[in-house]
Amino acid sequence: MFWNKSNKKEREYKTELCPYYLGANSCVNGESCEFAHGGHELRDKK
Protein backbone atom coordinates (compact mmCIF):
# COMPACT_ATOMS: atom_id res chain seq x y z
CA MET A 1 0.00 0.00 0.00
CA PHE A 2 1.21 3.50 -0.80
CA TRP A 3 1.40 5.71 2.29
CA ASN A 4 0.64 9.33 1.59
CA LYS A 5 0.14 12.29 3.89
CA SER A 6 -3.58 11.63 4.42
CA ASN A 7 -2.90 7.97 5.36
CA LYS A 8 -0.34 9.12 7.93
CA LYS A 9 -2.76 11.67 9.34
CA GLU A 10 -5.47 9.03 9.63
CA ARG A 11 -3.11 6.54 11.34
CA GLU A 12 -1.96 9.17 13.85
CA TYR A 13 -5.39 10.78 14.48
CA LYS A 14 -5.98 11.16 18.24
CA THR A 15 -2.92 9.03 19.14
CA GLU A 16 -1.24 11.82 21.16
CA LEU A 17 -2.54 14.29 23.70
CA CYS A 18 -3.07 17.85 22.49
CA PRO A 19 -0.30 20.14 23.79
CA TYR A 20 -2.65 23.15 23.87
CA TYR A 21 -5.33 21.27 25.79
CA LEU A 22 -2.75 19.96 28.27
CA GLY A 23 -1.35 23.44 28.87
CA ALA A 24 -4.54 25.47 29.13
CA ASN A 25 -7.33 22.85 29.27
CA SER A 26 -8.69 24.37 26.06
CA CYS A 27 -7.90 24.15 22.35
CA VAL A 28 -8.75 26.56 19.54
CA ASN A 29 -9.42 23.61 17.21
CA GLY A 30 -12.09 22.13 19.48
CA GLU A 31 -13.71 18.95 18.18
CA SER A 32 -11.81 19.17 14.86
CA CYS A 33 -8.43 18.89 16.62
CA GLU A 34 -6.37 15.92 15.41
CA PHE A 35 -4.99 15.41 18.93
CA ALA A 36 -6.79 13.77 21.86
CA HIS A 37 -8.27 15.96 24.60
CA GLY A 38 -7.93 13.38 27.35
CA GLY A 39 -7.39 9.67 27.82
CA HIS A 40 -10.93 8.86 26.73
CA GLU A 41 -10.11 10.04 23.18
CA LEU A 42 -6.70 8.36 22.82
CA ARG A 43 -6.37 5.67 20.16
CA ASP A 44 -3.59 3.13 19.54
CA LYS A 45 -1.12 3.95 16.78
CA LYS A 46 -1.51 1.68 13.78
PDB file of N, CA and C in Angstrom:
ATOM      1  N   MET A   1       0.845  -1.187   0.000  1.00  0.00           N
ATOM      2  CA  MET A   1       0.000   0.000   0.000  1.00  0.00           C
ATOM      3  C   MET A   1       0.885   1.242   0.000  1.00  0.00           C
ATOM      4  N   PHE A   2       0.488   2.231  -0.731  1.00  0.00           N
ATOM      5  CA  PHE A   2       1.214   3.499  -0.802  1.00  0.00           C
ATOM      6  C   PHE A   2       0.770   4.397   0.343  1.00  0.00           C
ATOM      7  N   TRP A   3       1.725   4.841   1.151  1.00  0.00           N
ATOM      8  CA  TRP A   3       1.404   5.710   2.289  1.00  0.00           C
ATOM      9  C   TRP A   3       1.592   7.160   1.904  1.00  0.00           C
ATOM     10  N   ASN A   4       0.533   7.904   1.867  1.00  0.00           N
ATOM     11  CA  ASN A   4       0.641   9.334   1.589  1.00  0.00           C
ATOM     12  C   ASN A   4       0.330  10.128   2.852  1.00  0.00           C
ATOM     13  N   LYS A   5       0.334  11.419   2.724  1.00  0.00           N
ATOM     14  CA  LYS A   5       0.145  12.288   3.887  1.00  0.00           C
ATOM     15  C   LYS A   5      -1.202  12.043   4.579  1.00  0.00           C
ATOM     16  N   SER A   6      -2.268  11.837   3.805  1.00  0.00           N
ATOM     17  CA  SER A   6      -3.577  11.632   4.420  1.00  0.00           C
ATOM     18  C   SER A   6      -3.636  10.294   5.162  1.00  0.00           C
ATOM     19  N   ASN A   7      -2.959   9.246   4.646  1.00  0.00           N
ATOM     20  CA  ASN A   7      -2.899   7.969   5.357  1.00  0.00           C
ATOM     21  C   ASN A   7      -2.185   8.138   6.686  1.00  0.00           C
ATOM     22  N   LYS A   8      -1.099   8.888   6.695  1.00  0.00           N
ATOM     23  CA  LYS A   8      -0.342   9.117   7.927  1.00  0.00           C
ATOM     24  C   LYS A   8      -1.204   9.867   8.930  1.00  0.00           C
ATOM     25  N   LYS A   9      -1.908  10.886   8.462  1.00  0.00           N
ATOM     26  CA  LYS A   9      -2.757  11.667   9.341  1.00  0.00           C
ATOM     27  C   LYS A   9      -3.857  10.794   9.950  1.00  0.00           C
ATOM     28  N   GLU A  10      -4.425   9.919   9.146  1.00  0.00           N
ATOM     29  CA  GLU A  10      -5.467   9.030   9.634  1.00  0.00           C
ATOM     30  C   GLU A  10      -4.916   8.044  10.660  1.00  0.00           C
ATOM     31  N   ARG A  11      -3.734   7.500  10.414  1.00  0.00           N
ATOM     32  CA  ARG A  11      -3.114   6.543  11.342  1.00  0.00           C
ATOM     33  C   ARG A  11      -2.774   7.207  12.667  1.00  0.00           C
ATOM     34  N   GLU A  12      -2.399   8.481  12.638  1.00  0.00           N
ATOM     35  CA  GLU A  12      -1.964   9.171  13.851  1.00  0.00           C
ATOM     36  C   GLU A  12      -3.070   9.995  14.514  1.00  0.00           C
ATOM     37  N   TYR A  13      -4.276  10.001  13.955  1.00  0.00           N
ATOM     38  CA  TYR A  13      -5.393  10.783  14.481  1.00  0.00           C
ATOM     39  C   TYR A  13      -5.717  10.373  15.916  1.00  0.00           C
ATOM     40  N   LYS A  14      -5.662  11.330  16.813  1.00  0.00           N
ATOM     41  CA  LYS A  14      -5.978  11.157  18.241  1.00  0.00           C
ATOM     42  C   LYS A  14      -5.093  10.113  18.932  1.00  0.00           C
ATOM     43  N   THR A  15      -3.835   9.981  18.496  1.00  0.00           N
ATOM     44  CA  THR A  15      -2.920   9.028  19.144  1.00  0.00           C
ATOM     45  C   THR A  15      -1.982   9.720  20.131  1.00  0.00           C
ATOM     46  N   GLU A  16      -2.051  11.042  20.202  1.00  0.00           N
ATOM     47  CA  GLU A  16      -1.245  11.818  21.161  1.00  0.00           C
ATOM     48  C   GLU A  16      -2.137  12.864  21.802  1.00  0.00           C
ATOM     49  N   LEU A  17      -1.776  13.247  23.021  1.00  0.00           N
ATOM     50  CA  LEU A  17      -2.537  14.293  23.704  1.00  0.00           C
ATOM     51  C   LEU A  17      -2.211  15.668  23.115  1.00  0.00           C
ATOM     52  N   CYS A  18      -3.200  16.506  23.040  1.00  0.00           N
ATOM     53  CA  CYS A  18      -3.070  17.855  22.491  1.00  0.00           C
ATOM     54  C   CYS A  18      -2.225  18.730  23.432  1.00  0.00           C
ATOM     55  N   PRO A  19      -1.137  19.304  22.925  1.00  0.00           N
ATOM     56  CA  PRO A  19      -0.298  20.140  23.791  1.00  0.00           C
ATOM     57  C   PRO A  19      -1.017  21.398  24.269  1.00  0.00           C
ATOM     58  N   TYR A  20      -1.909  21.950  23.463  1.00  0.00           N
ATOM     59  CA  TYR A  20      -2.654  23.146  23.869  1.00  0.00           C
ATOM     60  C   TYR A  20      -3.658  22.806  24.969  1.00  0.00           C
ATOM     61  N   TYR A  21      -4.338  21.689  24.800  1.00  0.00           N
ATOM     62  CA  TYR A  21      -5.327  21.266  25.790  1.00  0.00           C
ATOM     63  C   TYR A  21      -4.658  20.930  27.114  1.00  0.00           C
ATOM     64  N   LEU A  22      -3.490  20.301  27.047  1.00  0.00           N
ATOM     65  CA  LEU A  22      -2.753  19.961  28.267  1.00  0.00           C
ATOM     66  C   LEU A  22      -2.298  21.212  29.002  1.00  0.00           C
ATOM     67  N   GLY A  23      -1.872  22.226  28.253  1.00  0.00           N
ATOM     68  CA  GLY A  23      -1.347  23.439  28.865  1.00  0.00           C
ATOM     69  C   GLY A  23      -2.404  24.361  29.429  1.00  0.00           C
ATOM     70  N   ALA A  24      -3.538  24.486  28.725  1.00  0.00           N
ATOM     71  CA  ALA A  24      -4.542  25.466  29.127  1.00  0.00           C
ATOM     72  C   ALA A  24      -5.925  24.860  29.340  1.00  0.00           C
ATOM     73  N   ASN A  25      -6.044  23.543  29.169  1.00  0.00           N
ATOM     74  CA  ASN A  25      -7.326  22.851  29.269  1.00  0.00           C
ATOM     75  C   ASN A  25      -8.345  23.390  28.273  1.00  0.00           C
ATOM     76  N   SER A  26      -7.828  23.931  27.159  1.00  0.00           N
ATOM     77  CA  SER A  26      -8.689  24.366  26.060  1.00  0.00           C
ATOM     78  C   SER A  26      -7.876  24.328  24.773  1.00  0.00           C
ATOM     79  N   CYS A  27      -8.567  24.242  23.651  1.00  0.00           N
ATOM     80  CA  CYS A  27      -7.905  24.151  22.352  1.00  0.00           C
ATOM     81  C   CYS A  27      -8.716  24.938  21.339  1.00  0.00           C
ATOM     82  N   VAL A  28      -8.055  25.751  20.543  1.00  0.00           N
ATOM     83  CA  VAL A  28      -8.749  26.564  19.541  1.00  0.00           C
ATOM     84  C   VAL A  28      -9.377  25.711  18.448  1.00  0.00           C
ATOM     85  N   ASN A  29      -8.884  24.486  18.259  1.00  0.00           N
ATOM     86  CA  ASN A  29      -9.417  23.611  17.215  1.00  0.00           C
ATOM     87  C   ASN A  29     -10.654  22.841  17.664  1.00  0.00           C
ATOM     88  N   GLY A  30     -10.897  22.803  18.952  1.00  0.00           N
ATOM     89  CA  GLY A  30     -12.089  22.132  19.477  1.00  0.00           C
ATOM     90  C   GLY A  30     -12.220  20.693  19.015  1.00  0.00           C
ATOM     91  N   GLU A  31     -13.425  20.319  18.593  1.00  0.00           N
ATOM     92  CA  GLU A  31     -13.707  18.948  18.179  1.00  0.00           C
ATOM     93  C   GLU A  31     -12.960  18.548  16.910  1.00  0.00           C
ATOM     94  N   SER A  32     -12.509  19.498  16.112  1.00  0.00           N
ATOM     95  CA  SER A  32     -11.807  19.175  14.865  1.00  0.00           C
ATOM     96  C   SER A  32     -10.300  18.969  15.072  1.00  0.00           C
ATOM     97  N   CYS A  33      -9.841  19.083  16.312  1.00  0.00           N
ATOM     98  CA  CYS A  33      -8.425  18.886  16.622  1.00  0.00           C
ATOM     99  C   CYS A  33      -8.017  17.449  16.338  1.00  0.00           C
ATOM    100  N   GLU A  34      -6.843  17.274  15.728  1.00  0.00           N
ATOM    101  CA  GLU A  34      -6.371  15.922  15.410  1.00  0.00           C
ATOM    102  C   GLU A  34      -5.723  15.233  16.605  1.00  0.00           C
ATOM    103  N   PHE A  35      -5.558  15.962  17.713  1.00  0.00           N
ATOM    104  CA  PHE A  35      -4.987  15.405  18.931  1.00  0.00           C
ATOM    105  C   PHE A  35      -6.098  15.082  19.931  1.00  0.00           C
ATOM    106  N   ALA A  36      -5.822  14.174  20.849  1.00  0.00           N
ATOM    107  CA  ALA A  36      -6.791  13.771  21.864  1.00  0.00           C
ATOM    108  C   ALA A  36      -6.855  14.806  22.981  1.00  0.00           C
ATOM    109  N   HIS A  37      -8.052  15.036  23.485  1.00  0.00           N
ATOM    110  CA  HIS A  37      -8.267  15.963  24.599  1.00  0.00           C
ATOM    111  C   HIS A  37      -8.588  15.182  25.863  1.00  0.00           C
ATOM    112  N   GLY A  38      -7.768  14.200  26.161  1.00  0.00           N
ATOM    113  CA  GLY A  38      -7.931  13.377  27.351  1.00  0.00           C
ATOM    114  C   GLY A  38      -7.786  11.904  26.997  1.00  0.00           C
ATOM    115  N   GLY A  39      -7.585  11.093  28.013  1.00  0.00           N
ATOM    116  CA  GLY A  39      -7.390   9.672  27.816  1.00  0.00           C
ATOM    117  C   GLY A  39      -8.548   8.967  27.139  1.00  0.00           C
ATOM    118  N   HIS A  40      -9.748   9.483  27.326  1.00  0.00           N
ATOM    119  CA  HIS A  40     -10.930   8.864  26.732  1.00  0.00           C
ATOM    120  C   HIS A  40     -10.943   8.959  25.207  1.00  0.00           C
ATOM    121  N   GLU A  41     -10.161   9.880  24.637  1.00  0.00           N
ATOM    122  CA  GLU A  41     -10.108  10.039  23.180  1.00  0.00           C
ATOM    123  C   GLU A  41      -8.889   9.368  22.546  1.00  0.00           C
ATOM    124  N   LEU A  42      -7.934   8.934  23.354  1.00  0.00           N
ATOM    125  CA  LEU A  42      -6.702   8.359  22.815  1.00  0.00           C
ATOM    126  C   LEU A  42      -6.955   7.044  22.083  1.00  0.00           C
ATOM    127  N   ARG A  43      -6.300   6.895  20.927  1.00  0.00           N
ATOM    128  CA  ARG A  43      -6.367   5.666  20.157  1.00  0.00           C
ATOM    129  C   ARG A  43      -4.952   5.076  20.057  1.00  0.00           C
ATOM    130  N   ASP A  44      -4.877   3.794  19.768  1.00  0.00           N
ATOM    131  CA  ASP A  44      -3.588   3.129  19.544  1.00  0.00           C
ATOM    132  C   ASP A  44      -3.055   3.521  18.175  1.00  0.00           C
ATOM    133  N   LYS A  45      -1.727   3.709  18.078  1.00  0.00           N
ATOM    134  CA  LYS A  45      -1.115   3.951  16.778  1.00  0.00           C
ATOM    135  C   LYS A  45      -1.168   2.683  15.958  1.00  0.00           C
ATOM    136  N   LYS A  46      -1.427   2.835  14.682  1.00  0.00           N
ATOM    137  CA  LYS A  46      -1.506   1.679  13.780  1.00  0.00           C
ATOM    138  C   LYS A  46      -0.208   1.463  13.067  1.00  0.00           C
TER     139      LYS A  46
END
